[in-house]
Every structure is written in C-alpha cells, then in structure tokens.
C-alpha cells in the first residue's frame, strides 16, 4: 500500500473521529469532548498535504524508473 493512500485515509479517519468526539462531547458536562474534537479537527489538512507530497514523490519515482 502506498504511503499517500495511508495518509489520505488517516485524514478522512481523523475527520470522522473529530465529528464523533464533537457529537458525543456535547452531552457531557464540560467541554472536554468538544475541545478534543477541535484539536483532532486540526489534523486532516496536515495529513492531506503530506499525502499530496508523498503522491508527488511516488509519481516522480515511478517516472524515473521507467
């Protein structure tokens, strides 16, 4: 499995985890669940940028090997 695919998947999974934390944190007293959701919500752009960079490197390496 390619690194870029893993990083894209991590980005989407972190979106799902963030949404789940936000929805389950609303019922609790205090805002810990919401804070965790916002913290995890910061991760997807980083994963997507790293995935794009890895994808570009994979494409470059594939072009050089042919």
N, C-alpha and C. Protein backbone atom coordinates (compact mmCIF):
# COMPACT_ATOMS: atom_id res chain seq x y z
N UNK A 1 0.84 -1.18 0.00
CA UNK A 1 0.00 0.00 0.00
C UNK A 1 0.88 1.24 0.00
N UNK A 2 0.49 2.22 -0.78
CA UNK A 2 1.29 3.43 -0.90
C UNK A 2 1.12 4.32 0.33
N UNK A 3 2.18 5.05 0.64
CA UNK A 3 2.16 5.97 1.76
C UNK A 3 1.10 7.05 1.56
N UNK A 4 0.95 7.54 0.34
CA UNK A 4 -0.04 8.59 0.09
C UNK A 4 -1.45 8.09 0.38
N UNK A 5 -1.74 6.85 0.05
CA UNK A 5 -3.06 6.28 0.32
C UNK A 5 -3.31 6.19 1.83
N UNK A 6 -2.30 5.79 2.57
CA UNK A 6 -2.43 5.71 4.02
C UNK A 6 -2.68 7.08 4.61
N UNK A 7 -1.95 8.09 4.14
CA UNK A 7 -2.10 9.44 4.67
C UNK A 7 -3.47 10.02 4.33
N UNK A 8 -3.97 9.78 3.11
CA UNK A 8 -5.32 10.22 2.77
C UNK A 8 -6.34 9.55 3.68
N UNK A 9 -6.18 8.26 3.91
CA UNK A 9 -7.11 7.54 4.79
C UNK A 9 -7.07 8.10 6.21
N UNK A 10 -5.88 8.40 6.70
CA UNK A 10 -5.76 8.99 8.04
C UNK A 10 -6.47 10.33 8.12
N UNK A 11 -6.41 11.11 7.05
CA UNK A 11 -7.12 12.39 7.03
C UNK A 11 -8.61 12.20 7.16
N UNK A 12 -9.17 11.26 6.40
CA UNK A 12 -10.61 11.02 6.47
C UNK A 12 -11.02 10.40 7.80
N UNK A 13 -10.19 9.52 8.34
CA UNK A 13 -10.49 8.91 9.64
C UNK A 13 -10.46 9.97 10.73
N UNK A 14 -9.52 10.89 10.67
CA UNK A 14 -9.46 11.92 11.70
C UNK A 14 -10.67 12.86 11.61
N UNK A 15 -11.22 13.07 10.42
CA UNK A 15 -12.46 13.84 10.30
C UNK A 15 -13.59 13.11 11.00
N UNK A 16 -13.69 11.80 10.79
CA UNK A 16 -14.75 11.01 11.42
C UNK A 16 -14.60 10.99 12.94
N UNK A 17 -13.37 10.84 13.42
CA UNK A 17 -13.13 10.83 14.87
C UNK A 17 -13.47 12.19 15.47
N UNK A 18 -13.11 13.24 14.78
CA UNK A 18 -13.42 14.58 15.26
C UNK A 18 -14.93 14.79 15.36
N UNK A 19 -15.66 14.37 14.34
CA UNK A 19 -17.12 14.51 14.37
C UNK A 19 -17.72 13.68 15.50
N UNK A 20 -17.23 12.46 15.68
CA UNK A 20 -17.75 11.62 16.76
C UNK A 20 -17.46 12.22 18.13
N UNK A 21 -16.27 12.75 18.32
CA UNK A 21 -15.94 13.40 19.60
C UNK A 21 -16.81 14.62 19.83
N UNK A 22 -17.05 15.38 18.80
CA UNK A 22 -17.87 16.57 18.94
C UNK A 22 -19.30 16.21 19.33
N UNK A 23 -19.86 15.21 18.64
CA UNK A 23 -21.25 14.83 18.90
C UNK A 23 -21.41 14.17 20.27
N UNK A 24 -20.47 13.34 20.68
CA UNK A 24 -20.58 12.69 21.98
C UNK A 24 -20.17 13.64 23.10
N UNK A 25 -19.37 14.63 22.82
CA UNK A 25 -18.93 15.57 23.84
C UNK A 25 -19.97 16.61 24.19
N UNK A 26 -20.97 16.81 23.34
CA UNK A 26 -21.98 17.82 23.61
C UNK A 26 -22.87 17.44 24.79
N UNK A 27 -23.07 16.15 25.02
CA UNK A 27 -23.95 15.71 26.10
C UNK A 27 -23.28 15.73 27.47
N UNK A 28 -21.99 15.73 27.50
CA UNK A 28 -21.25 15.69 28.76
C UNK A 28 -21.21 17.07 29.39
N UNK A 29 -21.06 17.10 30.70
CA UNK A 29 -20.84 18.38 31.35
C UNK A 29 -19.40 18.78 31.10
N UNK A 30 -19.17 20.02 30.86
CA UNK A 30 -17.84 20.49 30.49
C UNK A 30 -17.67 20.39 28.99
N UNK A 31 -16.58 20.89 28.51
CA UNK A 31 -16.36 20.96 27.07
C UNK A 31 -15.17 20.12 26.62
N UNK A 32 -14.81 19.13 27.41
CA UNK A 32 -13.61 18.34 27.06
C UNK A 32 -13.77 17.62 25.73
N UNK A 33 -14.92 17.01 25.48
CA UNK A 33 -15.15 16.32 24.22
C UNK A 33 -15.10 17.26 23.03
N UNK A 34 -15.66 18.44 23.21
CA UNK A 34 -15.63 19.43 22.12
C UNK A 34 -14.21 19.93 21.87
N UNK A 35 -13.45 20.14 22.94
CA UNK A 35 -12.06 20.57 22.77
C UNK A 35 -11.24 19.50 22.06
N UNK A 36 -11.44 18.24 22.43
CA UNK A 36 -10.75 17.15 21.75
C UNK A 36 -11.13 17.10 20.28
N UNK A 37 -12.41 17.32 20.00
CA UNK A 37 -12.88 17.31 18.61
C UNK A 37 -12.21 18.41 17.81
N UNK A 38 -12.11 19.59 18.40
CA UNK A 38 -11.46 20.69 17.68
C UNK A 38 -9.97 20.43 17.49
N UNK A 39 -9.33 19.83 18.49
CA UNK A 39 -7.92 19.50 18.37
C UNK A 39 -7.69 18.49 17.26
N UNK A 40 -8.48 17.43 17.24
CA UNK A 40 -8.33 16.41 16.21
C UNK A 40 -8.74 16.97 14.85
N UNK A 41 -9.65 17.94 14.84
CA UNK A 41 -10.09 18.57 13.61
C UNK A 41 -8.99 19.36 12.91
N UNK A 42 -7.91 19.64 13.61
CA UNK A 42 -6.78 20.33 13.01
C UNK A 42 -5.89 19.39 12.20
N UNK A 43 -6.02 18.11 12.39
CA UNK A 43 -5.13 17.13 11.75
C UNK A 43 -5.37 16.90 10.26
N UNK A 44 -6.61 16.83 9.77
CA UNK A 44 -6.82 16.46 8.37
C UNK A 44 -6.05 17.28 7.34
N UNK A 45 -5.99 18.61 7.46
CA UNK A 45 -5.22 19.34 6.44
C UNK A 45 -3.75 18.92 6.40
N UNK A 46 -3.18 18.63 7.56
CA UNK A 46 -1.79 18.19 7.61
C UNK A 46 -1.63 16.84 6.91
N UNK A 47 -2.54 15.91 7.20
CA UNK A 47 -2.48 14.61 6.55
C UNK A 47 -2.64 14.74 5.03
N UNK A 48 -3.58 15.59 4.60
CA UNK A 48 -3.82 15.75 3.17
C UNK A 48 -2.62 16.40 2.46
N UNK A 49 -1.98 17.36 3.09
CA UNK A 49 -0.80 17.98 2.50
C UNK A 49 0.35 16.98 2.40
N UNK A 50 0.55 16.20 3.48
CA UNK A 50 1.60 15.18 3.45
C UNK A 50 1.30 14.11 2.41
N UNK A 51 0.02 13.75 2.27
CA UNK A 51 -0.36 12.75 1.27
C UNK A 51 -0.09 13.26 -0.13
N UNK A 52 -0.38 14.52 -0.39
CA UNK A 52 -0.14 15.09 -1.72
C UNK A 52 1.36 15.12 -2.01
N UNK A 53 2.16 15.47 -1.02
CA UNK A 53 3.62 15.48 -1.21
C UNK A 53 4.13 14.07 -1.48
N UNK A 54 3.63 13.10 -0.72
CA UNK A 54 4.04 11.70 -0.94
C UNK A 54 3.60 11.22 -2.31
N UNK A 55 2.41 11.61 -2.73
CA UNK A 55 1.90 11.22 -4.04
C UNK A 55 2.78 11.78 -5.16
N UNK A 56 3.20 13.04 -5.01
CA UNK A 56 4.08 13.66 -6.00
C UNK A 56 5.43 12.94 -6.06
N UNK A 57 5.98 12.57 -4.89
CA UNK A 57 7.25 11.84 -4.85
C UNK A 57 7.12 10.46 -5.49
N UNK A 58 5.99 9.79 -5.21
CA UNK A 58 5.76 8.47 -5.80
C UNK A 58 5.66 8.57 -7.31
N UNK A 59 4.98 9.60 -7.80
CA UNK A 59 4.83 9.79 -9.24
C UNK A 59 6.18 10.09 -9.87
N UNK A 60 6.99 10.90 -9.21
CA UNK A 60 8.32 11.24 -9.71
C UNK A 60 9.21 10.00 -9.74
N UNK A 61 9.17 9.21 -8.68
CA UNK A 61 9.99 8.00 -8.62
C UNK A 61 9.53 6.99 -9.69
N UNK A 62 8.24 6.91 -9.92
CA UNK A 62 7.73 5.99 -10.93
C UNK A 62 8.17 6.44 -12.32
N UNK A 63 8.18 7.73 -12.57
CA UNK A 63 8.60 8.25 -13.87
C UNK A 63 10.08 8.04 -14.12
N UNK A 64 10.90 8.09 -13.09
CA UNK A 64 12.33 7.89 -13.25
C UNK A 64 12.68 6.43 -13.45
N UNK A 65 11.87 5.53 -12.93
CA UNK A 65 12.20 4.11 -13.05
C UNK A 65 11.81 3.55 -14.42
N UNK A 66 11.00 4.27 -15.18
CA UNK A 66 10.58 3.75 -16.49
C UNK A 66 11.53 4.15 -17.58
